[in-house]
């Protein structure tokens, strides 16, 4: 047992951490691609959009499938969360990730816009593909959670300083809870409250 495993810990949902970057990357990419289409660029719009479509597909595949074995291994060995462990709200996890990555997101957006002067729309479509890949990875985690009837959590102090890397080297194991724990549904989406009858 790792040091500190027996004590109460702050836990963040794995799927929420993965999904946190999907929307910012998607919208930054869509906006950059939209602006990029207005610029003829060196290659011309047609070649730029075709190159962007190829980059989009590659980014989706790479981001969605990278490190799946690591996630699977950590999920398989997940220990049950203790009753004193603190489950972090979805909004807090998302906010921490986005604050920690805000300068990287801004830099990626600026680079995607700048690339439009060479290859129109390609950089933006690459960003949008990365966002889509994160959403697909979170959905894959959600399917695993439903199949196992257990939600996966990671210790907050094992995440990177920017609130990311839920399968990084610092992560020794996941914790698990029942499917109804926390305020996020399997896959990291907002949990829909049941309508009162």
C-alpha atoms as a PDB file:
ATOM      1  CA  UNK A   1       0.000   0.000   0.000  1.00  0.00           C
ATOM      2  CA  UNK A   2       1.380   3.396  -1.000  1.00  0.00           C
ATOM      3  CA  UNK A   3       2.103   5.950   1.663  1.00  0.00           C
ATOM      4  CA  UNK A   4      -1.060   7.854   2.565  1.00  0.00           C
ATOM      5  CA  UNK A   5      -3.423   5.285   0.997  1.00  0.00           C
ATOM      6  CA  UNK A   6      -5.156   4.658   4.318  1.00  0.00           C
ATOM      7  CA  UNK A   7      -5.975   8.323   4.963  1.00  0.00           C
ATOM      8  CA  UNK A   8      -8.863  10.323   3.569  1.00  0.00           C
ATOM      9  CA  UNK A   9      -8.012  11.958   0.248  1.00  0.00           C
ATOM     10  CA  UNK A  10      -9.492  14.512  -2.122  1.00  0.00           C
ATOM     11  CA  UNK A  11     -10.615  12.634  -5.233  1.00  0.00           C
ATOM     12  CA  UNK A  12     -11.369  13.944  -8.734  1.00  0.00           C
ATOM     13  CA  UNK A  13     -13.304  12.020 -11.379  1.00  0.00           C
ATOM     14  CA  UNK A  14     -10.981  10.591 -14.019  1.00  0.00           C
ATOM     15  CA  UNK A  15     -13.462  11.089 -16.863  1.00  0.00           C
ATOM     16  CA  UNK A  16     -14.110  14.705 -15.835  1.00  0.00           C
ATOM     17  CA  UNK A  17     -10.377  15.493 -15.934  1.00  0.00           C
ATOM     18  CA  UNK A  18     -10.122  13.903 -19.388  1.00  0.00           C
ATOM     19  CA  UNK A  19     -13.207  15.708 -20.668  1.00  0.00           C
ATOM     20  CA  UNK A  20     -12.303  19.123 -19.207  1.00  0.00           C
ATOM     21  CA  UNK A  21     -10.227  20.152 -22.219  1.00  0.00           C
ATOM     22  CA  UNK A  22     -12.638  18.927 -24.885  1.00  0.00           C
ATOM     23  CA  UNK A  23     -14.873  22.003 -25.139  1.00  0.00           C
ATOM     24  CA  UNK A  24     -12.108  24.665 -25.003  1.00  0.00           C
ATOM     25  CA  UNK A  25     -10.058  22.856 -27.663  1.00  0.00           C
ATOM     26  CA  UNK A  26     -13.102  22.255 -29.870  1.00  0.00           C
ATOM     27  CA  UNK A  27     -14.356  25.853 -29.787  1.00  0.00           C
ATOM     28  CA  UNK A  28     -10.875  27.356 -30.133  1.00  0.00           C
ATOM     29  CA  UNK A  29     -10.301  25.065 -33.115  1.00  0.00           C
ATOM     30  CA  UNK A  30     -13.630  25.858 -34.756  1.00  0.00           C
ATOM     31  CA  UNK A  31     -13.084  29.602 -34.356  1.00  0.00           C
ATOM     32  CA  UNK A  32      -9.486  29.423 -35.613  1.00  0.00           C
ATOM     33  CA  UNK A  33     -10.553  27.303 -38.588  1.00  0.00           C
ATOM     34  CA  UNK A  34     -13.411  29.692 -39.382  1.00  0.00           C
ATOM     35  CA  UNK A  35     -11.096  32.701 -39.352  1.00  0.00           C
ATOM     36  CA  UNK A  36      -8.464  30.710 -41.231  1.00  0.00           C
ATOM     37  CA  UNK A  37     -10.804  30.011 -44.119  1.00  0.00           C
ATOM     38  CA  UNK A  38     -11.001  33.773 -44.739  1.00  0.00           C
ATOM     39  CA  UNK A  39      -7.236  33.887 -45.386  1.00  0.00           C
ATOM     40  CA  UNK A  40      -6.070  32.556 -48.803  1.00  0.00           C
ATOM     41  CA  UNK A  41      -2.760  31.402 -47.337  1.00  0.00           C
ATOM     42  CA  UNK A  42       0.214  30.016 -49.215  1.00  0.00           C
ATOM     43  CA  UNK A  43      -1.422  26.732 -50.203  1.00  0.00           C
ATOM     44  CA  UNK A  44      -4.899  28.088 -50.963  1.00  0.00           C
ATOM     45  CA  UNK A  45      -8.157  27.327 -49.147  1.00  0.00           C
ATOM     46  CA  UNK A  46      -8.927  24.011 -50.838  1.00  0.00           C
ATOM     47  CA  UNK A  47      -5.598  22.405 -49.962  1.00  0.00           C
ATOM     48  CA  UNK A  48      -5.709  23.953 -46.493  1.00  0.00           C
ATOM     49  CA  UNK A  49      -9.136  22.498 -45.721  1.00  0.00           C
ATOM     50  CA  UNK A  50      -8.150  19.082 -47.086  1.00  0.00           C
ATOM     51  CA  UNK A  51      -4.966  19.098 -44.994  1.00  0.00           C
ATOM     52  CA  UNK A  52      -7.022  20.242 -42.004  1.00  0.00           C
ATOM     53  CA  UNK A  53      -9.481  17.375 -42.471  1.00  0.00           C
ATOM     54  CA  UNK A  54      -6.596  14.881 -42.478  1.00  0.00           C
ATOM     55  CA  UNK A  55      -5.106  16.487 -39.357  1.00  0.00           C
ATOM     56  CA  UNK A  56      -8.519  16.410 -37.674  1.00  0.00           C
ATOM     57  CA  UNK A  57      -8.853  12.657 -38.239  1.00  0.00           C
ATOM     58  CA  UNK A  58      -5.294  11.967 -37.073  1.00  0.00           C
ATOM     59  CA  UNK A  59      -5.751  14.111 -33.945  1.00  0.00           C
ATOM     60  CA  UNK A  60      -9.027  12.382 -33.054  1.00  0.00           C
ATOM     61  CA  UNK A  61      -7.444   8.937 -33.374  1.00  0.00           C
ATOM     62  CA  UNK A  62      -4.226   9.786 -31.510  1.00  0.00           C
ATOM     63  CA  UNK A  63      -5.902  11.604 -28.608  1.00  0.00           C
ATOM     64  CA  UNK A  64      -8.770   9.116 -28.245  1.00  0.00           C
ATOM     65  CA  UNK A  65      -6.568   6.000 -28.210  1.00  0.00           C
ATOM     66  CA  UNK A  66      -3.363   7.172 -26.498  1.00  0.00           C
ATOM     67  CA  UNK A  67      -2.635   5.504 -23.123  1.00  0.00           C
ATOM     68  CA  UNK A  68      -5.795   3.380 -23.102  1.00  0.00           C
ATOM     69  CA  UNK A  69      -3.838   0.439 -21.724  1.00  0.00           C
ATOM     70  CA  UNK A  70      -2.649   2.592 -18.807  1.00  0.00           C
ATOM     71  CA  UNK A  71      -6.226   3.688 -18.054  1.00  0.00           C
ATOM     72  CA  UNK A  72      -7.407   0.074 -18.282  1.00  0.00           C
ATOM     73  CA  UNK A  73      -4.697  -1.191 -15.920  1.00  0.00           C
ATOM     74  CA  UNK A  74      -5.413   1.547 -13.370  1.00  0.00           C
ATOM     75  CA  UNK A  75      -9.169   0.912 -13.591  1.00  0.00           C
ATOM     76  CA  UNK A  76      -8.723  -2.832 -13.148  1.00  0.00           C
ATOM     77  CA  UNK A  77      -6.780  -2.371  -9.905  1.00  0.00           C
ATOM     78  CA  UNK A  78      -8.969   0.421  -8.489  1.00  0.00           C
ATOM     79  CA  UNK A  79      -9.496   0.266  -4.723  1.00  0.00           C
ATOM     80  CA  UNK A  80     -12.776   1.211  -3.108  1.00  0.00           C
ATOM     81  CA  UNK A  81     -12.852   4.826  -1.897  1.00  0.00           C
ATOM     82  CA  UNK A  82     -13.060   5.282   1.860  1.00  0.00           C
ATOM     83  CA  UNK A  83     -16.109   6.802   3.497  1.00  0.00           C
ATOM     84  CA  UNK A  84     -14.065   9.828   4.581  1.00  0.00           C
ATOM     85  CA  UNK A  85     -12.605  10.533   1.114  1.00  0.00           C
ATOM     86  CA  UNK A  86     -13.747  13.890  -0.294  1.00  0.00           C
ATOM     87  CA  UNK A  87     -15.267  13.706  -3.779  1.00  0.00           C
ATOM     88  CA  UNK A  88     -14.444  16.830  -5.750  1.00  0.00           C
ATOM     89  CA  UNK A  89     -17.320  18.514  -7.587  1.00  0.00           C
ATOM     90  CA  UNK A  90     -17.318  18.337 -11.363  1.00  0.00           C
ATOM     91  CA  UNK A  91     -17.241  22.133 -11.691  1.00  0.00           C
ATOM     92  CA  UNK A  92     -14.157  22.382  -9.457  1.00  0.00           C
ATOM     93  CA  UNK A  93     -12.281  19.729 -11.461  1.00  0.00           C
ATOM     94  CA  UNK A  94     -13.117  21.421 -14.765  1.00  0.00           C
ATOM     95  CA  UNK A  95     -12.191  24.862 -13.424  1.00  0.00           C
ATOM     96  CA  UNK A  96      -8.845  23.606 -12.106  1.00  0.00           C
ATOM     97  CA  UNK A  97      -7.971  22.009 -15.455  1.00  0.00           C
ATOM     98  CA  UNK A  98      -8.935  25.063 -17.477  1.00  0.00           C
ATOM     99  CA  UNK A  99      -7.106  27.476 -15.183  1.00  0.00           C
ATOM    100  CA  UNK A 100      -4.023  25.289 -15.291  1.00  0.00           C
ATOM    101  CA  UNK A 101      -4.067  25.088 -19.098  1.00  0.00           C
ATOM    102  CA  UNK A 102      -5.307  28.584 -19.997  1.00  0.00           C
ATOM    103  CA  UNK A 103      -1.956  29.819 -21.324  1.00  0.00           C
ATOM    104  CA  UNK A 104      -1.405  26.641 -23.336  1.00  0.00           C
ATOM    105  CA  UNK A 105      -4.900  26.970 -24.810  1.00  0.00           C
ATOM    106  CA  UNK A 106      -4.256  30.608 -25.723  1.00  0.00           C
ATOM    107  CA  UNK A 107      -0.884  29.752 -27.268  1.00  0.00           C
ATOM    108  CA  UNK A 108      -2.407  26.878 -29.276  1.00  0.00           C
ATOM    109  CA  UNK A 109      -5.153  29.199 -30.547  1.00  0.00           C
ATOM    110  CA  UNK A 110      -2.660  31.885 -31.581  1.00  0.00           C
ATOM    111  CA  UNK A 111      -0.456  29.310 -33.349  1.00  0.00           C
ATOM    112  CA  UNK A 112      -3.499  27.866 -35.150  1.00  0.00           C
ATOM    113  CA  UNK A 113      -4.478  31.355 -36.328  1.00  0.00           C
ATOM    114  CA  UNK A 114      -0.927  32.118 -37.427  1.00  0.00           C
ATOM    115  CA  UNK A 115      -0.701  28.846 -39.332  1.00  0.00           C
ATOM    116  CA  UNK A 116      -3.674  29.973 -41.427  1.00  0.00           C
ATOM    117  CA  UNK A 117      -1.383  32.328 -43.329  1.00  0.00           C
ATOM    118  CA  UNK A 118       0.431  29.228 -44.600  1.00  0.00           C
ATOM    119  CA  UNK A 119      -2.237  26.498 -44.604  1.00  0.00           C
ATOM    120  CA  UNK A 120      -5.764  27.937 -44.133  1.00  0.00           C
ATOM    121  CA  UNK A 121      -7.945  26.280 -41.457  1.00  0.00           C
ATOM    122  CA  UNK A 122      -5.542  23.365 -40.867  1.00  0.00           C
ATOM    123  CA  UNK A 123      -4.341  24.449 -37.416  1.00  0.00           C
ATOM    124  CA  UNK A 124      -7.860  25.088 -36.191  1.00  0.00           C
ATOM    125  CA  UNK A 125      -9.060  21.717 -37.417  1.00  0.00           C
ATOM    126  CA  UNK A 126      -6.152  20.062 -35.613  1.00  0.00           C
ATOM    127  CA  UNK A 127      -7.249  21.701 -32.349  1.00  0.00           C
ATOM    128  CA  UNK A 128     -10.867  20.706 -32.936  1.00  0.00           C
ATOM    129  CA  UNK A 129      -9.726  17.134 -33.568  1.00  0.00           C
ATOM    130  CA  UNK A 130      -7.863  17.071 -30.247  1.00  0.00           C
ATOM    131  CA  UNK A 131     -11.008  18.278 -28.464  1.00  0.00           C
ATOM    132  CA  UNK A 132     -13.108  15.624 -30.180  1.00  0.00           C
ATOM    133  CA  UNK A 133     -10.558  12.959 -29.224  1.00  0.00           C
ATOM    134  CA  UNK A 134     -10.781  13.943 -25.556  1.00  0.00           C
ATOM    135  CA  UNK A 135     -14.569  13.730 -25.694  1.00  0.00           C
ATOM    136  CA  UNK A 136     -14.380  10.247 -27.247  1.00  0.00           C
ATOM    137  CA  UNK A 137     -11.860   9.099 -24.624  1.00  0.00           C
ATOM    138  CA  UNK A 138     -14.136  10.340 -21.841  1.00  0.00           C
ATOM    139  CA  UNK A 139     -17.071   8.521 -23.468  1.00  0.00           C
ATOM    140  CA  UNK A 140     -14.977   5.329 -23.605  1.00  0.00           C
ATOM    141  CA  UNK A 141     -14.216   5.713 -19.882  1.00  0.00           C
ATOM    142  CA  UNK A 142     -17.938   6.219 -19.285  1.00  0.00           C
ATOM    143  CA  UNK A 143     -18.738   2.931 -21.023  1.00  0.00           C
ATOM    144  CA  UNK A 144     -16.191   1.161 -18.809  1.00  0.00           C
ATOM    145  CA  UNK A 145     -17.731   2.753 -15.718  1.00  0.00           C
ATOM    146  CA  UNK A 146     -21.231   1.608 -16.721  1.00  0.00           C
ATOM    147  CA  UNK A 147     -19.982  -1.903 -17.505  1.00  0.00           C
ATOM    148  CA  UNK A 148     -18.253  -2.151 -14.112  1.00  0.00           C
ATOM    149  CA  UNK A 149     -21.061  -0.291 -12.332  1.00  0.00           C
ATOM    150  CA  UNK A 150     -18.422   1.855 -10.642  1.00  0.00           C
ATOM    151  CA  UNK A 151     -17.102   5.389 -11.117  1.00  0.00           C
ATOM    152  CA  UNK A 152     -13.333   5.952 -11.319  1.00  0.00           C
ATOM    153  CA  UNK A 153     -11.575   8.617  -9.233  1.00  0.00           C
ATOM    154  CA  UNK A 154      -7.985   9.819  -8.958  1.00  0.00           C
ATOM    155  CA  UNK A 155      -6.297  11.471  -6.004  1.00  0.00           C
ATOM    156  CA  UNK A 156      -6.106  15.227  -6.563  1.00  0.00           C
ATOM    157  CA  UNK A 157      -2.565  15.404  -5.216  1.00  0.00           C
ATOM    158  CA  UNK A 158      -1.461  12.885  -7.856  1.00  0.00           C
ATOM    159  CA  UNK A 159      -2.640  15.088 -10.717  1.00  0.00           C
ATOM    160  CA  UNK A 160      -0.159  17.414 -12.416  1.00  0.00           C
ATOM    161  CA  UNK A 161       0.174  20.958 -11.128  1.00  0.00           C
ATOM    162  CA  UNK A 162      -2.136  22.142 -13.926  1.00  0.00           C
ATOM    163  CA  UNK A 163      -4.893  19.725 -12.867  1.00  0.00           C
ATOM    164  CA  UNK A 164      -4.337  17.242 -15.702  1.00  0.00           C
ATOM    165  CA  UNK A 165      -2.635  13.887 -16.434  1.00  0.00           C
ATOM    166  CA  UNK A 166      -5.073  11.491 -14.708  1.00  0.00           C
ATOM    167  CA  UNK A 167      -3.004   8.569 -16.034  1.00  0.00           C
ATOM    168  CA  UNK A 168       0.416  10.134 -15.490  1.00  0.00           C
ATOM    169  CA  UNK A 169       3.409   8.520 -13.810  1.00  0.00           C
ATOM    170  CA  UNK A 170       2.508  10.053 -10.437  1.00  0.00           C
ATOM    171  CA  UNK A 171      -0.823   8.179 -10.407  1.00  0.00           C
ATOM    172  CA  UNK A 172      -0.345   4.893  -8.550  1.00  0.00           C
ATOM    173  CA  UNK A 173      -3.958   3.678  -8.557  1.00  0.00           C
ATOM    174  CA  UNK A 174      -7.537   4.781  -8.995  1.00  0.00           C
ATOM    175  CA  UNK A 175     -10.305   4.711  -6.423  1.00  0.00           C
ATOM    176  CA  UNK A 176     -13.838   3.578  -7.210  1.00  0.00           C
ATOM    177  CA  UNK A 177     -17.290   4.417  -5.897  1.00  0.00           C
ATOM    178  CA  UNK A 178     -20.836   3.419  -6.685  1.00  0.00           C
ATOM    179  CA  UNK A 179     -22.338   4.681  -9.912  1.00  0.00           C
ATOM    180  CA  UNK A 180     -24.479   7.285  -8.105  1.00  0.00           C
ATOM    181  CA  UNK A 181     -21.608   9.018  -6.258  1.00  0.00           C
ATOM    182  CA  UNK A 182     -20.667  12.591  -7.062  1.00  0.00           C
ATOM    183  CA  UNK A 183     -22.351  15.087  -9.355  1.00  0.00           C
ATOM    184  CA  UNK A 184     -21.085  13.768 -12.705  1.00  0.00           C
ATOM    185  CA  UNK A 185     -22.530  10.902 -14.733  1.00  0.00           C
ATOM    186  CA  UNK A 186     -20.373   8.128 -16.265  1.00  0.00           C
ATOM    187  CA  UNK A 187     -18.111   9.701 -18.882  1.00  0.00           C
ATOM    188  CA  UNK A 188     -17.843  12.967 -16.981  1.00  0.00           C
ATOM    189  CA  UNK A 189     -20.999  14.652 -18.253  1.00  0.00           C
ATOM    190  CA  UNK A 190     -23.289  16.628 -15.959  1.00  0.00           C
ATOM    191  CA  UNK A 191     -25.580  14.338 -14.041  1.00  0.00           C
ATOM    192  CA  UNK A 192     -29.232  14.850 -14.856  1.00  0.00           C
ATOM    193  CA  UNK A 193     -31.320  14.965 -11.722  1.00  0.00           C
ATOM    194  CA  UNK A 194     -34.364  12.768 -11.801  1.00  0.00           C
ATOM    195  CA  UNK A 195     -37.628  14.666 -12.157  1.00  0.00           C
ATOM    196  CA  UNK A 196     -39.778  14.700  -9.057  1.00  0.00           C
ATOM    197  CA  UNK A 197     -42.982  12.689  -9.409  1.00  0.00           C
END
